Amino acid sequence: MGFMINISLFIKGAVLGLILPALAFLVYSNIVMEGDMLALYYQLKAMDVHTHVLSLCTFINLIPFLIFMRANREKSAKGILMVTIFLALFVMINKFLF
């Protein structure tokens, strides 16, 4: 029973770590391009700053990570950290390969 709770907290942290950067990019696209996310991505790619914006959107995961660490919720913080590392690797691969 305790093992399932730990897995559940980890998954909740991972899902939160995925949702927050997407939400940040959605807010940014609503401000800059009136909600057209795909057009904004291609425009940023043409200016060669798409990885900068994606990494800044990933940076928002720092807020819940610090909140979970302060509240001693290490499993949720590990989920957020794992997703943040994967997103950072995605941004790095996107920068150098595409």
PDB file of N, CA and C in Angstrom:
ATOM      1  N   MET A   1       0.815  -1.193   0.000  1.00  0.00           N
ATOM      2  CA  MET A   1       0.000   0.000   0.000  1.00  0.00           C
ATOM      3  C   MET A   1       0.862   1.262   0.000  1.00  0.00           C
ATOM      4  N   GLY A   2       1.897   1.294   0.829  1.00  0.00           N
ATOM      5  CA  GLY A   2       2.779   2.451   0.886  1.00  0.00           C
ATOM      6  C   GLY A   2       3.539   2.658  -0.406  1.00  0.00           C
ATOM      7  N   PHE A   3       3.882   1.555  -1.080  1.00  0.00           N
ATOM      8  CA  PHE A   3       4.605   1.649  -2.343  1.00  0.00           C
ATOM      9  C   PHE A   3       3.749   2.315  -3.408  1.00  0.00           C
ATOM     10  N   MET A   4       2.451   1.982  -3.433  1.00  0.00           N
ATOM     11  CA  MET A   4       1.556   2.567  -4.426  1.00  0.00           C
ATOM     12  C   MET A   4       1.367   4.066  -4.189  1.00  0.00           C
ATOM     13  N   ILE A   5       1.369   4.487  -2.940  1.00  0.00           N
ATOM     14  CA  ILE A   5       1.240   5.913  -2.631  1.00  0.00           C
ATOM     15  C   ILE A   5       2.469   6.656  -3.126  1.00  0.00           C
ATOM     16  N   ASN A   6       3.651   6.067  -2.946  1.00  0.00           N
ATOM     17  CA  ASN A   6       4.884   6.701  -3.414  1.00  0.00           C
ATOM     18  C   ASN A   6       4.898   6.830  -4.930  1.00  0.00           C
ATOM     19  N   ILE A   7       4.455   5.784  -5.630  1.00  0.00           N
ATOM     20  CA  ILE A   7       4.384   5.826  -7.090  1.00  0.00           C
ATOM     21  C   ILE A   7       3.373   6.891  -7.525  1.00  0.00           C
ATOM     22  N   SER A   8       2.255   6.948  -6.832  1.00  0.00           N
ATOM     23  CA  SER A   8       1.216   7.922  -7.172  1.00  0.00           C
ATOM     24  C   SER A   8       1.729   9.349  -7.007  1.00  0.00           C
ATOM     25  N   LEU A   9       2.448   9.619  -5.939  1.00  0.00           N
ATOM     26  CA  LEU A   9       3.009  10.958  -5.738  1.00  0.00           C
ATOM     27  C   LEU A   9       4.040  11.292  -6.809  1.00  0.00           C
ATOM     28  N   PHE A  10       4.848  10.306  -7.187  1.00  0.00           N
ATOM     29  CA  PHE A  10       5.848  10.507  -8.232  1.00  0.00           C
ATOM     30  C   PHE A  10       5.170  10.839  -9.562  1.00  0.00           C
ATOM     31  N   ILE A  11       4.118  10.095  -9.885  1.00  0.00           N
ATOM     32  CA  ILE A  11       3.406  10.321 -11.151  1.00  0.00           C
ATOM     33  C   ILE A  11       2.710  11.683 -11.135  1.00  0.00           C
ATOM     34  N   LYS A  12       2.135  12.061 -10.003  1.00  0.00           N
ATOM     35  CA  LYS A  12       1.506  13.384  -9.917  1.00  0.00           C
ATOM     36  C   LYS A  12       2.532  14.489 -10.124  1.00  0.00           C
ATOM     37  N   GLY A  13       3.719  14.329  -9.573  1.00  0.00           N
ATOM     38  CA  GLY A  13       4.778  15.311  -9.782  1.00  0.00           C
ATOM     39  C   GLY A  13       5.218  15.362 -11.237  1.00  0.00           C
ATOM     40  N   ALA A  14       5.302  14.181 -11.872  1.00  0.00           N
ATOM     41  CA  ALA A  14       5.712  14.133 -13.275  1.00  0.00           C
ATOM     42  C   ALA A  14       4.666  14.786 -14.178  1.00  0.00           C
ATOM     43  N   VAL A  15       3.397  14.529 -13.902  1.00  0.00           N
ATOM     44  CA  VAL A  15       2.331  15.138 -14.712  1.00  0.00           C
ATOM     45  C   VAL A  15       2.329  16.648 -14.528  1.00  0.00           C
ATOM     46  N   LEU A  16       2.499  17.095 -13.293  1.00  0.00           N
ATOM     47  CA  LEU A  16       2.581  18.538 -13.044  1.00  0.00           C
ATOM     48  C   LEU A  16       3.782  19.139 -13.768  1.00  0.00           C
ATOM     49  N   GLY A  17       4.883  18.408 -13.800  1.00  0.00           N
ATOM     50  CA  GLY A  17       6.076  18.876 -14.498  1.00  0.00           C
ATOM     51  C   GLY A  17       5.894  18.964 -16.004  1.00  0.00           C
ATOM     52  N   LEU A  18       4.975  18.191 -16.552  1.00  0.00           N
ATOM     53  CA  LEU A  18       4.671  18.279 -17.983  1.00  0.00           C
ATOM     54  C   LEU A  18       3.652  19.379 -18.288  1.00  0.00           C
ATOM     55  N   ILE A  19       2.696  19.538 -17.401  1.00  0.00           N
ATOM     56  CA  ILE A  19       1.609  20.486 -17.651  1.00  0.00           C
ATOM     57  C   ILE A  19       2.079  21.935 -17.532  1.00  0.00           C
ATOM     58  N   LEU A  20       2.897  22.229 -16.536  1.00  0.00           N
ATOM     59  CA  LEU A  20       3.298  23.623 -16.308  1.00  0.00           C
ATOM     60  C   LEU A  20       4.075  24.242 -17.474  1.00  0.00           C
ATOM     61  N   PRO A  21       5.082  23.567 -18.057  1.00  0.00           N
ATOM     62  CA  PRO A  21       5.747  24.189 -19.219  1.00  0.00           C
ATOM     63  C   PRO A  21       4.814  24.363 -20.419  1.00  0.00           C
ATOM     64  N   ALA A  22       3.930  23.393 -20.632  1.00  0.00           N
ATOM     65  CA  ALA A  22       2.976  23.526 -21.737  1.00  0.00           C
ATOM     66  C   ALA A  22       2.035  24.700 -21.489  1.00  0.00           C
ATOM     67  N   LEU A  23       1.611  24.855 -20.256  1.00  0.00           N
ATOM     68  CA  LEU A  23       0.744  25.977 -19.895  1.00  0.00           C
ATOM     69  C   LEU A  23       1.486  27.311 -20.042  1.00  0.00           C
ATOM     70  N   ALA A  24       2.755  27.333 -19.671  1.00  0.00           N
ATOM     71  CA  ALA A  24       3.549  28.554 -19.820  1.00  0.00           C
ATOM     72  C   ALA A  24       3.697  28.926 -21.298  1.00  0.00           C
ATOM     73  N   PHE A  25       3.927  27.935 -22.163  1.00  0.00           N
ATOM     74  CA  PHE A  25       4.042  28.209 -23.599  1.00  0.00           C
ATOM     75  C   PHE A  25       2.698  28.650 -24.165  1.00  0.00           C
ATOM     76  N   LEU A  26       1.606  28.081 -23.650  1.00  0.00           N
ATOM     77  CA  LEU A  26       0.273  28.480 -24.090  1.00  0.00           C
ATOM     78  C   LEU A  26      -0.005  29.940 -23.728  1.00  0.00           C
ATOM     79  N   VAL A  27       0.352  30.329 -22.525  1.00  0.00           N
ATOM     80  CA  VAL A  27       0.167  31.722 -22.105  1.00  0.00           C
ATOM     81  C   VAL A  27       1.037  32.642 -22.956  1.00  0.00           C
ATOM     82  N   TYR A  28       2.282  32.241 -23.186  1.00  0.00           N
ATOM     83  CA  TYR A  28       3.184  33.042 -24.022  1.00  0.00           C
ATOM     84  C   TYR A  28       2.638  33.181 -25.442  1.00  0.00           C
ATOM     85  N   SER A  29       2.110  32.093 -25.991  1.00  0.00           N
ATOM     86  CA  SER A  29       1.580  32.168 -27.355  1.00  0.00           C
ATOM     87  C   SER A  29       0.313  33.017 -27.416  1.00  0.00           C
ATOM     88  N   ASN A  30      -0.486  33.002 -26.349  1.00  0.00           N
ATOM     89  CA  ASN A  30      -1.666  33.866 -26.326  1.00  0.00           C
ATOM     90  C   ASN A  30      -1.285  35.335 -26.264  1.00  0.00           C
ATOM     91  N   ILE A  31      -0.204  35.639 -25.583  1.00  0.00           N
ATOM     92  CA  ILE A  31       0.243  37.029 -25.486  1.00  0.00           C
ATOM     93  C   ILE A  31       0.860  37.496 -26.795  1.00  0.00           C
ATOM     94  N   VAL A  32       1.699  36.661 -27.402  1.00  0.00           N
ATOM     95  CA  VAL A  32       2.460  37.078 -28.580  1.00  0.00           C
ATOM     96  C   VAL A  32       1.673  36.904 -29.878  1.00  0.00           C
ATOM     97  N   MET A  33       1.031  35.749 -30.070  1.00  0.00           N
ATOM     98  CA  MET A  33       0.403  35.438 -31.362  1.00  0.00           C
ATOM     99  C   MET A  33      -1.106  35.203 -31.275  1.00  0.00           C
ATOM    100  N   GLU A  34      -1.755  35.674 -30.256  1.00  0.00           N
ATOM    101  CA  GLU A  34      -3.187  35.476 -30.066  1.00  0.00           C
ATOM    102  C   GLU A  34      -3.586  34.001 -30.115  1.00  0.00           C
ATOM    103  N   GLY A  35      -2.771  33.120 -29.571  1.00  0.00           N
ATOM    104  CA  GLY A  35      -3.146  31.729 -29.384  1.00  0.00           C
ATOM    105  C   GLY A  35      -2.703  30.746 -30.436  1.00  0.00           C
ATOM    106  N   ASP A  36      -2.053  31.153 -31.489  1.00  0.00           N
ATOM    107  CA  ASP A  36      -1.616  30.218 -32.524  1.00  0.00           C
ATOM    108  C   ASP A  36      -0.251  29.655 -32.133  1.00  0.00           C
ATOM    109  N   MET A  37      -0.259  28.535 -31.408  1.00  0.00           N
ATOM    110  CA  MET A  37       0.980  27.969 -30.864  1.00  0.00           C
ATOM    111  C   MET A  37       1.912  27.467 -31.956  1.00  0.00           C
ATOM    112  N   LEU A  38       1.365  26.794 -32.961  1.00  0.00           N
ATOM    113  CA  LEU A  38       2.201  26.230 -34.012  1.00  0.00           C
ATOM    114  C   LEU A  38       2.862  27.325 -34.852  1.00  0.00           C
ATOM    115  N   ALA A  39       2.114  28.364 -35.177  1.00  0.00           N
ATOM    116  CA  ALA A  39       2.697  29.476 -35.934  1.00  0.00           C
ATOM    117  C   ALA A  39       3.778  30.172 -35.116  1.00  0.00           C
ATOM    118  N   LEU A  40       3.547  30.304 -33.817  1.00  0.00           N
ATOM    119  CA  LEU A  40       4.553  30.914 -32.953  1.00  0.00           C
ATOM    120  C   LEU A  40       5.819  30.075 -32.920  1.00  0.00           C
ATOM    121  N   TYR A  41       5.672  28.754 -32.810  1.00  0.00           N
ATOM    122  CA  TYR A  41       6.854  27.888 -32.782  1.00  0.00           C
ATOM    123  C   TYR A  41       7.670  28.027 -34.071  1.00  0.00           C
ATOM    124  N   TYR A  42       6.990  28.022 -35.216  1.00  0.00           N
ATOM    125  CA  TYR A  42       7.722  28.159 -36.487  1.00  0.00           C
ATOM    126  C   TYR A  42       8.351  29.537 -36.643  1.00  0.00           C
ATOM    127  N   GLN A  43       7.682  30.567 -36.130  1.00  0.00           N
ATOM    128  CA  GLN A  43       8.256  31.902 -36.169  1.00  0.00           C
ATOM    129  C   GLN A  43       9.504  31.978 -35.282  1.00  0.00           C
ATOM    130  N   LEU A  44       9.424  31.384 -34.098  1.00  0.00           N
ATOM    131  CA  LEU A  44      10.592  31.356 -33.214  1.00  0.00           C
ATOM    132  C   LEU A  44      11.713  30.525 -33.802  1.00  0.00           C
ATOM    133  N   LYS A  45      11.359  29.434 -34.480  1.00  0.00           N
ATOM    134  CA  LYS A  45      12.370  28.588 -35.116  1.00  0.00           C
ATOM    135  C   LYS A  45      13.062  29.342 -36.246  1.00  0.00           C
ATOM    136  N   ALA A  46      12.311  30.134 -37.000  1.00  0.00           N
ATOM    137  CA  ALA A  46      12.900  30.922 -38.080  1.00  0.00           C
ATOM    138  C   ALA A  46      13.875  31.965 -37.531  1.00  0.00           C
ATOM    139  N   MET A  47      13.580  32.497 -36.343  1.00  0.00           N
ATOM    140  CA  MET A  47      14.477  33.468 -35.714  1.00  0.00           C
ATOM    141  C   MET A  47      15.584  32.781 -34.914  1.00  0.00           C
ATOM    142  N   ASP A  48      15.532  31.445 -34.841  1.00  0.00           N
ATOM    143  CA  ASP A  48      16.505  30.608 -34.130  1.00  0.00           C
ATOM    144  C   ASP A  48      16.542  30.919 -32.627  1.00  0.00           C
ATOM    145  N   VAL A  49      15.385  31.174 -32.051  1.00  0.00           N
ATOM    146  CA  VAL A  49      15.286  31.384 -30.606  1.00  0.00           C
ATOM    147  C   VAL A  49      14.262  30.443 -29.967  1.00  0.00           C
ATOM    148  N   HIS A  50      13.809  29.430 -30.715  1.00  0.00           N
ATOM    149  CA  HIS A  50      12.790  28.532 -30.182  1.00  0.00           C
ATOM    150  C   HIS A  50      13.288  27.761 -28.963  1.00  0.00           C
ATOM    151  N   THR A  51      14.549  27.402 -28.941  1.00  0.00           N
ATOM    152  CA  THR A  51      15.067  26.667 -27.789  1.00  0.00           C
ATOM    153  C   THR A  51      15.168  27.558 -26.556  1.00  0.00           C
ATOM    154  N   HIS A  52      15.386  28.837 -26.762  1.00  0.00           N
ATOM    155  CA  HIS A  52      15.436  29.769 -25.632  1.00  0.00           C
ATOM    156  C   HIS A  52      14.066  29.847 -24.948  1.00  0.00           C
ATOM    157  N   VAL A  53      13.024  29.961 -25.748  1.00  0.00           N
ATOM    158  CA  VAL A  53      11.680  30.067 -25.199  1.00  0.00           C
ATOM    159  C   VAL A  53      11.262  28.749 -24.542  1.00  0.00           C
ATOM    160  N   LEU A  54      11.592  27.621 -25.169  1.00  0.00           N
ATOM    161  CA  LEU A  54      11.246  26.327 -24.590  1.00  0.00           C
ATOM    162  C   LEU A  54      11.966  26.104 -23.266  1.00  0.00           C
ATOM    163  N   SER A  55      13.218  26.504 -23.185  1.00  0.00           N
ATOM    164  CA  SER A  55      13.940  26.325 -21.924  1.00  0.00           C
ATOM    165  C   SER A  55      13.403  27.256 -20.840  1.00  0.00           C
ATOM    166  N   LEU A  56      12.971  28.446 -21.206  1.00  0.00           N
ATOM    167  CA  LEU A  56      12.355  29.340 -20.215  1.00  0.00           C
ATOM    168  C   LEU A  56      11.008  28.797 -19.740  1.00  0.00           C
ATOM    169  N   CYS A  57      10.279  28.143 -20.633  1.00  0.00           N
ATOM    170  CA  CYS A  57       9.022  27.523 -20.219  1.00  0.00           C
ATOM    171  C   CYS A  57       9.286  26.345 -19.283  1.00  0.00           C
ATOM    172  N   THR A  58      10.377  25.649 -19.478  1.00  0.00           N
ATOM    173  CA  THR A  58      10.746  24.549 -18.588  1.00  0.00           C
ATOM    174  C   THR A  58      11.189  25.074 -17.231  1.00  0.00           C
ATOM    175  N   PHE A  59      11.726  26.258 -17.198  1.00  0.00           N
ATOM    176  CA  PHE A  59      12.224  26.853 -15.957  1.00  0.00           C
ATOM    177  C   PHE A  59      11.119  27.059 -14.920  1.00  0.00           C
ATOM    178  N   ILE A  60       9.866  27.121 -15.372  1.00  0.00           N
ATOM    179  CA  ILE A  60       8.758  27.332 -14.447  1.00  0.00           C
ATOM    180  C   ILE A  60       8.576  26.154 -13.492  1.00  0.00           C
ATOM    181  N   ASN A  61       9.143  24.994 -13.829  1.00  0.00           N
ATOM    182  CA  ASN A  61       9.061  23.834 -12.937  1.00  0.00           C
ATOM    183  C   ASN A  61       9.820  24.057 -11.631  1.00  0.00           C
ATOM    184  N   LEU A  62      10.638  25.072 -11.575  1.00  0.00           N
ATOM    185  CA  LEU A  62      11.381  25.349 -10.351  1.00  0.00           C
ATOM    186  C   LEU A  62      10.449  25.715  -9.199  1.00  0.00           C
ATOM    187  N   ILE A  63       9.367  26.394  -9.493  1.00  0.00           N
ATOM    188  CA  ILE A  63       8.453  26.842  -8.438  1.00  0.00           C
ATOM    189  C   ILE A  63       7.821  25.669  -7.689  1.00  0.00           C
ATOM    190  N   PRO A  64       7.141  24.718  -8.384  1.00  0.00           N
ATOM    191  CA  PRO A  64       6.578  23.604  -7.608  1.00  0.00           C
ATOM    192  C   PRO A  64       7.647  22.685  -7.019  1.00  0.00           C
ATOM    193  N   PHE A  65       8.797  22.588  -7.691  1.00  0.00           N
ATOM    194  CA  PHE A  65       9.876  21.772  -7.141  1.00  0.00           C
ATOM    195  C   PHE A  65      10.309  22.297  -5.783  1.00  0.00           C
ATOM    196  N   LEU A  66      10.517  23.584  -5.684  1.00  0.00           N
ATOM    197  CA  LEU A  66      10.926  24.170  -4.408  1.00  0.00           C
ATOM    198  C   LEU A  66       9.822  24.081  -3.359  1.00  0.00           C
ATOM    199  N   ILE A  67       8.574  24.232  -3.781  1.00  0.00           N
ATOM    200  CA  ILE A  67       7.460  24.096  -2.839  1.00  0.00           C
ATOM    201  C   ILE A  67       7.390  22.677  -2.296  1.00  0.00           C
ATOM    202  N   PHE A  68       7.523  21.685  -3.172  1.00  0.00           N
ATOM    203  CA  PHE A  68       7.475  20.296  -2.720  1.00  0.00           C
ATOM    204  C   PHE A  68       8.676  19.951  -1.839  1.00  0.00           C
ATOM    205  N   MET A  69       9.831  20.485  -2.143  1.00  0.00           N
ATOM    206  CA  MET A  69      10.997  20.198  -1.312  1.00  0.00           C
ATOM    207  C   MET A  69      10.843  20.815   0.077  1.00  0.00           C
ATOM    208  N   ARG A  70      10.304  22.012   0.135  1.00  0.00           N
ATOM    209  CA  ARG A  70      10.104  22.666   1.426  1.00  0.00           C
ATOM    210  C   ARG A  70       9.039  21.943   2.255  1.00  0.00           C
ATOM    211  N   ALA A  71       8.057  21.321   1.587  1.00  0.00           N
ATOM    212  CA  ALA A  71       6.984  20.608   2.277  1.00  0.00           C
ATOM    213  C   ALA A  71       7.335  19.147   2.537  1.00  0.00           C
ATOM    214  N   ASN A  72       8.578  18.762   2.281  1.00  0.00           N
ATOM    215  CA  ASN A  72       9.053  17.383   2.468  1.00  0.00           C
ATOM    216  C   ASN A  72       8.267  16.367   1.643  1.00  0.00           C
ATOM    217  N   ARG A  73       7.943  16.731   0.443  1.00  0.00           N
ATOM    218  CA  ARG A  73       7.292  15.822  -0.506  1.00  0.00           C
ATOM    219  C   ARG A  73       8.300  15.461  -1.583  1.00  0.00           C
ATOM    220  N   GLU A  74       9.279  14.656  -1.182  1.00  0.00           N
ATOM    221  CA  GLU A  74      10.394  14.351  -2.070  1.00  0.00           C
ATOM    222  C   GLU A  74       9.981  13.553  -3.304  1.00  0.00           C
ATOM    223  N   LYS A  75       8.992  12.671  -3.167  1.00  0.00           N
ATOM    224  CA  LYS A  75       8.578  11.855  -4.316  1.00  0.00           C
ATOM    225  C   LYS A  75       7.985  12.730  -5.419  1.00  0.00           C
ATOM    226  N   SER A  76       7.148  13.663  -5.061  1.00  0.00           N
ATOM    227  CA  SER A  76       6.579  14.575  -6.069  1.00  0.00           C
ATOM    228  C   SER A  76       7.671  15.454  -6.668  1.00  0.00           C
ATOM    229  N   ALA A  77       8.605  15.891  -5.830  1.00  0.00           N
ATOM    230  CA  ALA A  77       9.712  16.716  -6.327  1.00  0.00           C
ATOM    231  C   ALA A  77      10.588  15.916  -7.281  1.00  0.00           C
ATOM    232  N   LYS A  78      10.772  14.619  -7.002  1.00  0.00           N
ATOM    233  CA  LYS A  78      11.555  13.773  -7.918  1.00  0.00           C
ATOM    234  C   LYS A  78      10.865  13.634  -9.267  1.00  0.00           C
ATOM    235  N   GLY A  79       9.536  13.548  -9.275  1.00  0.00           N
ATOM    236  CA  GLY A  79       8.793  13.478 -10.532  1.00  0.00           C
ATOM    237  C   GLY A  79       8.970  14.740 -11.356  1.00  0.00           C
ATOM    238  N   ILE A  80       8.894  15.877 -10.708  1.00  0.00           N
ATOM    239  CA  ILE A  80       9.095  17.151 -11.406  1.00  0.00           C
ATOM    240  C   ILE A  80      10.522  17.256 -11.917  1.00  0.00           C
ATOM    241  N   LEU A  81      11.481  16.846 -11.097  1.00  0.00           N
ATOM    242  CA  LEU A  81      12.885  16.903 -11.506  1.00  0.00           C
ATOM    243  C   LEU A  81      13.159  15.993 -12.697  1.00  0.00           C
ATOM    244  N   MET A  82      12.573  14.790 -12.700  1.00  0.00           N
ATOM    245  CA  MET A  82      12.775  13.863 -13.806  1.00  0.00           C
ATOM    246  C   MET A  82      12.241  14.453 -15.110  1.00  0.00           C
ATOM    247  N   VAL A  83      11.041  15.001 -15.065  1.00  0.00           N
ATOM    248  CA  VAL A  83      10.445  15.585 -16.270  1.00  0.00           C
ATOM    249  C   VAL A  83      11.251  16.798 -16.722  1.00  0.00           C
ATOM    250  N   THR A  84      11.730  17.586 -15.792  1.00  0.00           N
ATOM    251  CA  THR A  84      12.528  18.763 -16.140  1.00  0.00           C
ATOM    252  C   THR A  84      13.822  18.358 -16.828  1.00  0.00           C
ATOM    253  N   ILE A  85      14.443  17.307 -16.353  1.00  0.00           N
ATOM    254  CA  ILE A  85      15.674  16.815 -16.998  1.00  0.00           C
ATOM    255  C   ILE A  85      15.366  16.308 -18.400  1.00  0.00           C
ATOM    256  N   PHE A  86      14.267  15.561 -18.561  1.00  0.00           N
ATOM    257  CA  PHE A  86      13.888  15.091 -19.898  1.00  0.00           C
ATOM    258  C   PHE A  86      13.576  16.253 -20.838  1.00  0.00           C
ATOM    259  N   LEU A  87      12.884  17.267 -20.339  1.00  0.00           N
ATOM    260  CA  LEU A  87      12.592  18.431 -21.172  1.00  0.00           C
ATOM    261  C   LEU A  87      13.861  19.192 -21.534  1.00  0.00           C
ATOM    262  N   ALA A  88      14.799  19.290 -20.600  1.00  0.00           N
ATOM    263  CA  ALA A  88      16.072  19.954 -20.895  1.00  0.00           C
ATOM    264  C   ALA A  88      16.849  19.174 -21.946  1.00  0.00           C
ATOM    265  N   LEU A  89      16.832  17.851 -21.862  1.00  0.00           N
ATOM    266  CA  LEU A  89      17.489  17.035 -22.893  1.00  0.00           C
ATOM    267  C   LEU A  89      16.809  17.210 -24.246  1.00  0.00           C
ATOM    268  N   PHE A  90      15.473  17.290 -24.242  1.00  0.00           N
ATOM    269  CA  PHE A  90      14.740  17.519 -25.484  1.00  0.00           C
ATOM    270  C   PHE A  90      15.115  18.862 -26.103  1.00  0.00           C
ATOM    271  N   VAL A  91      15.214  19.894 -25.277  1.00  0.00           N
ATOM    272  CA  VAL A  91      15.588  21.215 -25.777  1.00  0.00           C
ATOM    273  C   VAL A  91      17.009  21.179 -26.341  1.00  0.00           C
ATOM    274  N   MET A  92      17.908  20.503 -25.653  1.00  0.00           N
ATOM    275  CA  MET A  92      19.304  20.426 -26.115  1.00  0.00           C
ATOM    276  C   MET A  92      19.401  19.653 -27.432  1.00  0.00           C
ATOM    277  N   ILE A  93      18.693  18.533 -27.521  1.00  0.00           N
ATOM    278  CA  ILE A  93      18.703  17.763 -28.772  1.00  0.00           C
ATOM    279  C   ILE A  93      18.058  18.561 -29.896  1.00  0.00           C
ATOM    280  N   ASN A  94      16.979  19.260 -29.597  1.00  0.00           N
ATOM    281  CA  ASN A  94      16.307  20.102 -30.583  1.00  0.00           C
ATOM    282  C   ASN A  94      17.232  21.213 -31.069  1.00  0.00           C
ATOM    283  N   LYS A  95      18.027  21.758 -30.178  1.00  0.00           N
ATOM    284  CA  LYS A  95      18.942  22.850 -30.543  1.00  0.00           C
ATOM    285  C   LYS A  95      20.037  22.367 -31.499  1.00  0.00           C
ATOM    286  N   PHE A  96      20.603  21.197 -31.211  1.00  0.00           N
ATOM    287  CA  PHE A  96      21.762  20.772 -31.979  1.00  0.00           C
ATOM    288  C   PHE A  96      21.422  19.932 -33.207  1.00  0.00           C
ATOM    289  N   LEU A  97      20.267  19.276 -33.243  1.00  0.00           N
ATOM    290  CA  LEU A  97      19.947  18.428 -34.370  1.00  0.00           C
ATOM    291  C   LEU A  97      18.980  19.056 -35.362  1.00  0.00           C
ATOM    292  N   PHE A  98      18.147  19.964 -34.887  1.00  0.00           N
ATOM    293  CA  PHE A  98      17.131  20.524 -35.792  1.00  0.00           C
ATOM    294  C   PHE A  98      17.380  21.956 -35.978  1.00  0.00           C
TER     295      PHE A  98
END
